[in-house]
Amino acid sequence: MRLAARQMRALRVRAQREGIGLSEALRRCVDEWAALTASPLTSSLPRARPPTKEERQMFDQLFTAFGLKPKRRGKRRR
C-alpha cells in the first residue's frame, strides 16, 4: 500500500502516542473512518418508523386546524 509522507507522519505520531505498531495504527484509522462514514443502512442508529394510524389522523387534524394540506407520499420501494 502506498501512503503519502503526510499520512505516514500521522500514522507514526498515532503509533507512538498509543504505543502500537504502524499496521495497528492504520487499522484503527480505517475503523474510525468506516464508523464515521457508515451508511444509514449499516448504522447502529434506530430506523425511523412510519406513523401509526392514530398518529396520521392527529397530523391530519393539525394540518386542517392550521389550514394546510399535508403532502401524501407514495410507498417506499425497498
PDB file of N, CA and C in Angstrom:
ATOM      1  N   MET A   1       0.839  -1.156   0.000  1.00  0.00           N
ATOM      2  CA  MET A   1       0.000   0.000   0.000  1.00  0.00           C
ATOM      3  C   MET A   1       0.897   1.237   0.000  1.00  0.00           C
ATOM      4  N   ARG A   2       0.533   2.217  -0.815  1.00  0.00           N
ATOM      5  CA  ARG A   2       1.313   3.449  -0.876  1.00  0.00           C
ATOM      6  C   ARG A   2       0.611   4.524  -0.058  1.00  0.00           C
ATOM      7  N   LEU A   3       1.377   5.224   0.762  1.00  0.00           N
ATOM      8  CA  LEU A   3       0.849   6.339   1.534  1.00  0.00           C
ATOM      9  C   LEU A   3       1.743   7.546   1.319  1.00  0.00           C
ATOM     10  N   ALA A   4       1.149   8.721   1.356  1.00  0.00           N
ATOM     11  CA  ALA A   4       1.914   9.964   1.229  1.00  0.00           C
ATOM     12  C   ALA A   4       2.714  10.196   2.506  1.00  0.00           C
ATOM     13  N   ALA A   5       3.720  11.040   2.409  1.00  0.00           N
ATOM     14  CA  ALA A   5       4.574  11.335   3.567  1.00  0.00           C
ATOM     15  C   ALA A   5       3.751  11.896   4.729  1.00  0.00           C
ATOM     16  N   ARG A   6       2.775  12.755   4.428  1.00  0.00           N
ATOM     17  CA  ARG A   6       1.950  13.331   5.494  1.00  0.00           C
ATOM     18  C   ARG A   6       1.115  12.267   6.190  1.00  0.00           C
ATOM     19  N   GLN A   7       0.654  11.269   5.428  1.00  0.00           N
ATOM     20  CA  GLN A   7      -0.120  10.183   6.014  1.00  0.00           C
ATOM     21  C   GLN A   7       0.764   9.298   6.893  1.00  0.00           C
ATOM     22  N   MET A   8       1.985   9.055   6.441  1.00  0.00           N
ATOM     23  CA  MET A   8       2.926   8.262   7.242  1.00  0.00           C
ATOM     24  C   MET A   8       3.284   8.988   8.536  1.00  0.00           C
ATOM     25  N   ARG A   9       3.457  10.319   8.449  1.00  0.00           N
ATOM     26  CA  ARG A   9       3.745  11.083   9.672  1.00  0.00           C
ATOM     27  C   ARG A   9       2.601  10.959  10.665  1.00  0.00           C
ATOM     28  N   ALA A  10       1.369  11.084  10.176  1.00  0.00           N
ATOM     29  CA  ALA A  10       0.207  10.976  11.049  1.00  0.00           C
ATOM     30  C   ALA A  10       0.137   9.588  11.691  1.00  0.00           C
ATOM     31  N   LEU A  11       0.421   8.542  10.898  1.00  0.00           N
ATOM     32  CA  LEU A  11       0.406   7.180  11.443  1.00  0.00           C
ATOM     33  C   LEU A  11       1.510   6.980  12.480  1.00  0.00           C
ATOM     34  N   ARG A  12       2.691   7.504  12.199  1.00  0.00           N
ATOM     35  CA  ARG A  12       3.807   7.362  13.156  1.00  0.00           C
ATOM     36  C   ARG A  12       3.502   8.083  14.469  1.00  0.00           C
ATOM     37  N   VAL A  13       2.914   9.275  14.367  1.00  0.00           N
ATOM     38  CA  VAL A  13       2.550  10.025  15.576  1.00  0.00           C
ATOM     39  C   VAL A  13       1.520   9.242  16.384  1.00  0.00           C
ATOM     40  N   ARG A  14       0.523   8.715  15.709  1.00  0.00           N
ATOM     41  CA  ARG A  14      -0.503   7.946  16.418  1.00  0.00           C
ATOM     42  C   ARG A  14       0.088   6.676  17.027  1.00  0.00           C
ATOM     43  N   ALA A  15       0.892   5.984  16.266  1.00  0.00           N
ATOM     44  CA  ALA A  15       1.503   4.750  16.773  1.00  0.00           C
ATOM     45  C   ALA A  15       2.344   5.034  18.011  1.00  0.00           C
ATOM     46  N   GLN A  16       3.114   6.097  17.975  1.00  0.00           N
ATOM     47  CA  GLN A  16       3.957   6.446  19.118  1.00  0.00           C
ATOM     48  C   GLN A  16       3.093   6.866  20.311  1.00  0.00           C
ATOM     49  N   ARG A  17       2.086   7.684  20.044  1.00  0.00           N
ATOM     50  CA  ARG A  17       1.206   8.167  21.111  1.00  0.00           C
ATOM     51  C   ARG A  17       0.482   7.026  21.810  1.00  0.00           C
ATOM     52  N   GLU A  18       0.028   6.034  21.031  1.00  0.00           N
ATOM     53  CA  GLU A  18      -0.756   4.934  21.584  1.00  0.00           C
ATOM     54  C   GLU A  18       0.091   3.707  21.901  1.00  0.00           C
ATOM     55  N   GLY A  19       1.370   3.757  21.593  1.00  0.00           N
ATOM     56  CA  GLY A  19       2.250   2.627  21.886  1.00  0.00           C
ATOM     57  C   GLY A  19       1.909   1.385  21.088  1.00  0.00           C
ATOM     58  N   ILE A  20       1.624   1.579  19.793  1.00  0.00           N
ATOM     59  CA  ILE A  20       1.251   0.465  18.904  1.00  0.00           C
ATOM     60  C   ILE A  20       2.114   0.526  17.654  1.00  0.00           C
ATOM     61  N   GLY A  21       2.013  -0.496  16.829  1.00  0.00           N
ATOM     62  CA  GLY A  21       2.744  -0.530  15.567  1.00  0.00           C
ATOM     63  C   GLY A  21       2.025   0.256  14.484  1.00  0.00           C
ATOM     64  N   LEU A  22       2.725   0.466  13.375  1.00  0.00           N
ATOM     65  CA  LEU A  22       2.132   1.208  12.258  1.00  0.00           C
ATOM     66  C   LEU A  22       0.917   0.510  11.673  1.00  0.00           C
ATOM     67  N   SER A  23       0.984  -0.812  11.540  1.00  0.00           N
ATOM     68  CA  SER A  23      -0.153  -1.523  10.953  1.00  0.00           C
ATOM     69  C   SER A  23      -1.387  -1.419  11.850  1.00  0.00           C
ATOM     70  N   GLU A  24      -1.197  -1.460  13.170  1.00  0.00           N
ATOM     71  CA  GLU A  24      -2.326  -1.306  14.101  1.00  0.00           C
ATOM     72  C   GLU A  24      -2.869   0.118  14.053  1.00  0.00           C
ATOM     73  N   ALA A  25      -1.979   1.101  13.928  1.00  0.00           N
ATOM     74  CA  ALA A  25      -2.422   2.490  13.813  1.00  0.00           C
ATOM     75  C   ALA A  25      -3.256   2.673  12.544  1.00  0.00           C
ATOM     76  N   LEU A  26      -2.814   2.075  11.453  1.00  0.00           N
ATOM     77  CA  LEU A  26      -3.566   2.153  10.198  1.00  0.00           C
ATOM     78  C   LEU A  26      -4.920   1.475  10.341  1.00  0.00           C
ATOM     79  N   ARG A  27      -4.949   0.295  10.970  1.00  0.00           N
ATOM     80  CA  ARG A  27      -6.210  -0.427  11.153  1.00  0.00           C
ATOM     81  C   ARG A  27      -7.188   0.412  11.962  1.00  0.00           C
ATOM     82  N   ARG A  28      -6.709   1.052  13.026  1.00  0.00           N
ATOM     83  CA  ARG A  28      -7.587   1.874  13.863  1.00  0.00           C
ATOM     84  C   ARG A  28      -8.104   3.088  13.106  1.00  0.00           C
ATOM     85  N   CYS A  29      -7.251   3.689  12.299  1.00  0.00           N
ATOM     86  CA  CYS A  29      -7.695   4.828  11.491  1.00  0.00           C
ATOM     87  C   CYS A  29      -8.795   4.423  10.513  1.00  0.00           C
ATOM     88  N   VAL A  30      -8.611   3.291   9.870  1.00  0.00           N
ATOM     89  CA  VAL A  30      -9.618   2.812   8.913  1.00  0.00           C
ATOM     90  C   VAL A  30     -10.911   2.465   9.644  1.00  0.00           C
ATOM     91  N   ASP A  31     -10.819   1.847  10.816  1.00  0.00           N
ATOM     92  CA  ASP A  31     -12.017   1.536  11.602  1.00  0.00           C
ATOM     93  C   ASP A  31     -12.779   2.805  11.979  1.00  0.00           C
ATOM     94  N   GLU A  32     -12.058   3.835  12.416  1.00  0.00           N
ATOM     95  CA  GLU A  32     -12.705   5.095  12.780  1.00  0.00           C
ATOM     96  C   GLU A  32     -13.367   5.736  11.568  1.00  0.00           C
ATOM     97  N   TRP A  33     -12.662   5.723  10.451  1.00  0.00           N
ATOM     98  CA  TRP A  33     -13.226   6.299   9.230  1.00  0.00           C
ATOM     99  C   TRP A  33     -14.490   5.544   8.810  1.00  0.00           C
ATOM    100  N   ALA A  34     -14.436   4.215   8.881  1.00  0.00           N
ATOM    101  CA  ALA A  34     -15.590   3.411   8.481  1.00  0.00           C
ATOM    102  C   ALA A  34     -16.785   3.685   9.387  1.00  0.00           C
ATOM    103  N   ALA A  35     -16.548   3.866  10.671  1.00  0.00           N
ATOM    104  CA  ALA A  35     -17.643   4.141  11.598  1.00  0.00           C
ATOM    105  C   ALA A  35     -18.263   5.510  11.328  1.00  0.00           C
ATOM    106  N   LEU A  36     -17.453   6.469  10.922  1.00  0.00           N
ATOM    107  CA  LEU A  36     -17.962   7.814  10.656  1.00  0.00           C
ATOM    108  C   LEU A  36     -18.704   7.909   9.333  1.00  0.00           C
ATOM    109  N   THR A  37     -18.346   7.074   8.380  1.00  0.00           N
ATOM    110  CA  THR A  37     -18.945   7.170   7.047  1.00  0.00           C
ATOM    111  C   THR A  37     -19.916   6.051   6.755  1.00  0.00           C
ATOM    112  N   ALA A  38     -20.314   5.314   7.779  1.00  0.00           N
ATOM    113  CA  ALA A  38     -21.241   4.196   7.566  1.00  0.00           C
ATOM    114  C   ALA A  38     -22.555   4.722   7.000  1.00  0.00           C
ATOM    115  N   SER A  39     -23.115   3.993   6.076  1.00  0.00           N
ATOM    116  CA  SER A  39     -24.404   4.381   5.502  1.00  0.00           C
ATOM    117  C   SER A  39     -25.498   4.149   6.528  1.00  0.00           C
ATOM    118  N   PRO A  40     -26.636   4.823   6.370  1.00  0.00           N
ATOM    119  CA  PRO A  40     -27.735   4.633   7.311  1.00  0.00           C
ATOM    120  C   PRO A  40     -28.209   3.180   7.406  1.00  0.00           C
ATOM    121  N   LEU A  41     -28.028   2.427   6.323  1.00  0.00           N
ATOM    122  CA  LEU A  41     -28.481   1.038   6.353  1.00  0.00           C
ATOM    123  C   LEU A  41     -27.602   0.169   7.243  1.00  0.00           C
ATOM    124  N   THR A  42     -26.336   0.543   7.390  1.00  0.00           N
ATOM    125  CA  THR A  42     -25.438  -0.251   8.217  1.00  0.00           C
ATOM    126  C   THR A  42     -25.174   0.405   9.557  1.00  0.00           C
ATOM    127  N   SER A  43     -25.787   1.547   9.780  1.00  0.00           N
ATOM    128  CA  SER A  43     -25.563   2.269  11.021  1.00  0.00           C
ATOM    129  C   SER A  43     -26.262   1.581  12.180  1.00  0.00           C
ATOM    130  N   SER A  44     -25.771   1.803  13.378  1.00  0.00           N
ATOM    131  CA  SER A  44     -26.395   1.220  14.557  1.00  0.00           C
ATOM    132  C   SER A  44     -27.513   2.103  15.087  1.00  0.00           C
ATOM    133  N   LEU A  45     -27.776   3.228  14.436  1.00  0.00           N
ATOM    134  CA  LEU A  45     -28.864   4.093  14.866  1.00  0.00           C
ATOM    135  C   LEU A  45     -30.206   3.438  14.551  1.00  0.00           C
ATOM    136  N   PRO A  46     -31.204   3.667  15.396  1.00  0.00           N
ATOM    137  CA  PRO A  46     -32.510   3.062  15.118  1.00  0.00           C
ATOM    138  C   PRO A  46     -33.135   3.665  13.864  1.00  0.00           C
ATOM    139  N   ARG A  47     -33.857   2.862  13.147  1.00  0.00           N
ATOM    140  CA  ARG A  47     -34.517   3.325  11.936  1.00  0.00           C
ATOM    141  C   ARG A  47     -35.819   4.019  12.288  1.00  0.00           C
ATOM    142  N   ALA A  48     -36.195   4.998  11.492  1.00  0.00           N
ATOM    143  CA  ALA A  48     -37.457   5.698  11.703  1.00  0.00           C
ATOM    144  C   ALA A  48     -38.601   4.762  11.359  1.00  0.00           C
ATOM    145  N   ARG A  49     -39.649   4.839  12.140  1.00  0.00           N
ATOM    146  CA  ARG A  49     -40.816   4.016  11.863  1.00  0.00           C
ATOM    147  C   ARG A  49     -41.904   4.889  11.249  1.00  0.00           C
ATOM    148  N   PRO A  50     -42.765   4.310  10.452  1.00  0.00           N
ATOM    149  CA  PRO A  50     -43.864   5.097   9.898  1.00  0.00           C
ATOM    150  C   PRO A  50     -44.872   5.421  10.992  1.00  0.00           C
ATOM    151  N   PRO A  51     -45.608   6.533  10.869  1.00  0.00           N
ATOM    152  CA  PRO A  51     -46.596   6.872  11.895  1.00  0.00           C
ATOM    153  C   PRO A  51     -47.736   5.860  11.919  1.00  0.00           C
ATOM    154  N   THR A  52     -48.299   5.677  13.105  1.00  0.00           N
ATOM    155  CA  THR A  52     -49.442   4.769  13.250  1.00  0.00           C
ATOM    156  C   THR A  52     -50.677   5.438  12.663  1.00  0.00           C
ATOM    157  N   LYS A  53     -51.742   4.687  12.546  1.00  0.00           N
ATOM    158  CA  LYS A  53     -52.990   5.224  12.009  1.00  0.00           C
ATOM    159  C   LYS A  53     -53.480   6.393  12.860  1.00  0.00           C
ATOM    160  N   GLU A  54     -53.398   6.236  14.180  1.00  0.00           N
ATOM    161  CA  GLU A  54     -53.831   7.301  15.090  1.00  0.00           C
ATOM    162  C   GLU A  54     -52.965   8.550  14.940  1.00  0.00           C
ATOM    163  N   GLU A  55     -51.655   8.351  14.771  1.00  0.00           N
ATOM    164  CA  GLU A  55     -50.753   9.485  14.587  1.00  0.00           C
ATOM    165  C   GLU A  55     -51.033  10.205  13.271  1.00  0.00           C
ATOM    166  N   ARG A  56     -51.309   9.441  12.215  1.00  0.00           N
ATOM    167  CA  ARG A  56     -51.641  10.063  10.921  1.00  0.00           C
ATOM    168  C   ARG A  56     -52.910  10.894  11.044  1.00  0.00           C
ATOM    169  N   GLN A  57     -53.908  10.362  11.762  1.00  0.00           N
ATOM    170  CA  GLN A  57     -55.159  11.104  11.945  1.00  0.00           C
ATOM    171  C   GLN A  57     -54.913  12.398  12.721  1.00  0.00           C
ATOM    172  N   MET A  58     -54.082  12.334  13.755  1.00  0.00           N
ATOM    173  CA  MET A  58     -53.764  13.521  14.546  1.00  0.00           C
ATOM    174  C   MET A  58     -53.056  14.563  13.675  1.00  0.00           C
ATOM    175  N   PHE A  59     -52.111  14.125  12.841  1.00  0.00           N
ATOM    176  CA  PHE A  59     -51.420  15.058  11.945  1.00  0.00           C
ATOM    177  C   PHE A  59     -52.403  15.682  10.957  1.00  0.00           C
ATOM    178  N   ASP A  60     -53.322  14.883  10.435  1.00  0.00           N
ATOM    179  CA  ASP A  60     -54.329  15.418   9.518  1.00  0.00           C
ATOM    180  C   ASP A  60     -55.164  16.496  10.202  1.00  0.00           C
ATOM    181  N   GLN A  61     -55.529  16.262  11.471  1.00  0.00           N
ATOM    182  CA  GLN A  61     -56.318  17.247  12.217  1.00  0.00           C
ATOM    183  C   GLN A  61     -55.509  18.529  12.438  1.00  0.00           C
ATOM    184  N   LEU A  62     -54.232  18.387  12.746  1.00  0.00           N
ATOM    185  CA  LEU A  62     -53.384  19.558  12.948  1.00  0.00           C
ATOM    186  C   LEU A  62     -53.230  20.364  11.662  1.00  0.00           C
ATOM    187  N   PHE A  63     -53.022  19.670  10.548  1.00  0.00           N
ATOM    188  CA  PHE A  63     -52.894  20.363   9.268  1.00  0.00           C
ATOM    189  C   PHE A  63     -54.183  21.109   8.948  1.00  0.00           C
ATOM    190  N   THR A  64     -55.314  20.471   9.194  1.00  0.00           N
ATOM    191  CA  THR A  64     -56.603  21.108   8.936  1.00  0.00           C
ATOM    192  C   THR A  64     -56.775  22.330   9.829  1.00  0.00           C
ATOM    193  N   ALA A  65     -56.421  22.223  11.099  1.00  0.00           N
ATOM    194  CA  ALA A  65     -56.563  23.326  12.039  1.00  0.00           C
ATOM    195  C   ALA A  65     -55.731  24.535  11.610  1.00  0.00           C
ATOM    196  N   PHE A  66     -54.586  24.291  10.997  1.00  0.00           N
ATOM    197  CA  PHE A  66     -53.733  25.381  10.544  1.00  0.00           C
ATOM    198  C   PHE A  66     -53.997  25.780   9.094  1.00  0.00           C
ATOM    199  N   GLY A  67     -54.971  25.158   8.454  1.00  0.00           N
ATOM    200  CA  GLY A  67     -55.319  25.495   7.080  1.00  0.00           C
ATOM    201  C   GLY A  67     -54.312  25.014   6.056  1.00  0.00           C
ATOM    202  N   LEU A  68     -53.603  23.943   6.377  1.00  0.00           N
ATOM    203  CA  LEU A  68     -52.594  23.399   5.477  1.00  0.00           C
ATOM    204  C   LEU A  68     -53.084  22.082   4.888  1.00  0.00           C
ATOM    205  N   LYS A  69     -52.488  21.710   3.787  1.00  0.00           N
ATOM    206  CA  LYS A  69     -52.809  20.423   3.182  1.00  0.00           C
ATOM    207  C   LYS A  69     -51.563  19.548   3.239  1.00  0.00           C
ATOM    208  N   PRO A  70     -51.639  18.425   3.930  1.00  0.00           N
ATOM    209  CA  PRO A  70     -50.459  17.554   4.004  1.00  0.00           C
ATOM    210  C   PRO A  70     -50.170  16.905   2.664  1.00  0.00           C
ATOM    211  N   LYS A  71     -48.881  16.734   2.390  1.00  0.00           N
ATOM    212  CA  LYS A  71     -48.483  16.037   1.171  1.00  0.00           C
ATOM    213  C   LYS A  71     -48.524  14.547   1.459  1.00  0.00           C
ATOM    214  N   ARG A  72     -49.202  13.831   0.622  1.00  0.00           N
ATOM    215  CA  ARG A  72     -49.236  12.377   0.767  1.00  0.00           C
ATOM    216  C   ARG A  72     -48.074  11.802  -0.007  1.00  0.00           C
ATOM    217  N   ARG A  73     -47.277  11.017   0.654  1.00  0.00           N
ATOM    218  CA  ARG A  73     -46.144  10.388  -0.003  1.00  0.00           C
ATOM    219  C   ARG A  73     -46.527   8.994  -0.451  1.00  0.00           C
ATOM    220  N   GLY A  74     -45.932   8.590  -1.548  1.00  0.00           N
ATOM    221  CA  GLY A  74     -46.122   7.224  -2.015  1.00  0.00           C
ATOM    222  C   GLY A  74     -45.334   6.253  -1.151  1.00  0.00           C
ATOM    223  N   LYS A  75     -45.636   4.993  -1.320  1.00  0.00           N
ATOM    224  CA  LYS A  75     -44.902   3.988  -0.546  1.00  0.00           C
ATOM    225  C   LYS A  75     -43.480   3.875  -1.056  1.00  0.00           C
ATOM    226  N   ARG A  76     -42.573   3.620  -0.129  1.00  0.00           N
ATOM    227  CA  ARG A  76     -41.160   3.447  -0.492  1.00  0.00           C
ATOM    228  C   ARG A  76     -40.919   2.079  -1.079  1.00  0.00           C
ATOM    229  N   ARG A  77     -40.006   2.069  -1.999  1.00  0.00           N
ATOM    230  CA  ARG A  77     -39.562   0.770  -2.531  1.00  0.00           C
ATOM    231  C   ARG A  77     -38.384   0.299  -1.706  1.00  0.00           C
ATOM    232  N   ARG A  78     -38.302  -0.951  -1.488  1.00  0.00           N
ATOM    233  CA  ARG A  78     -37.179  -1.499  -0.711  1.00  0.00           C
ATOM    234  C   ARG A  78     -36.276  -2.297  -1.578  1.00  0.00           C
TER     235      ARG A  78
END
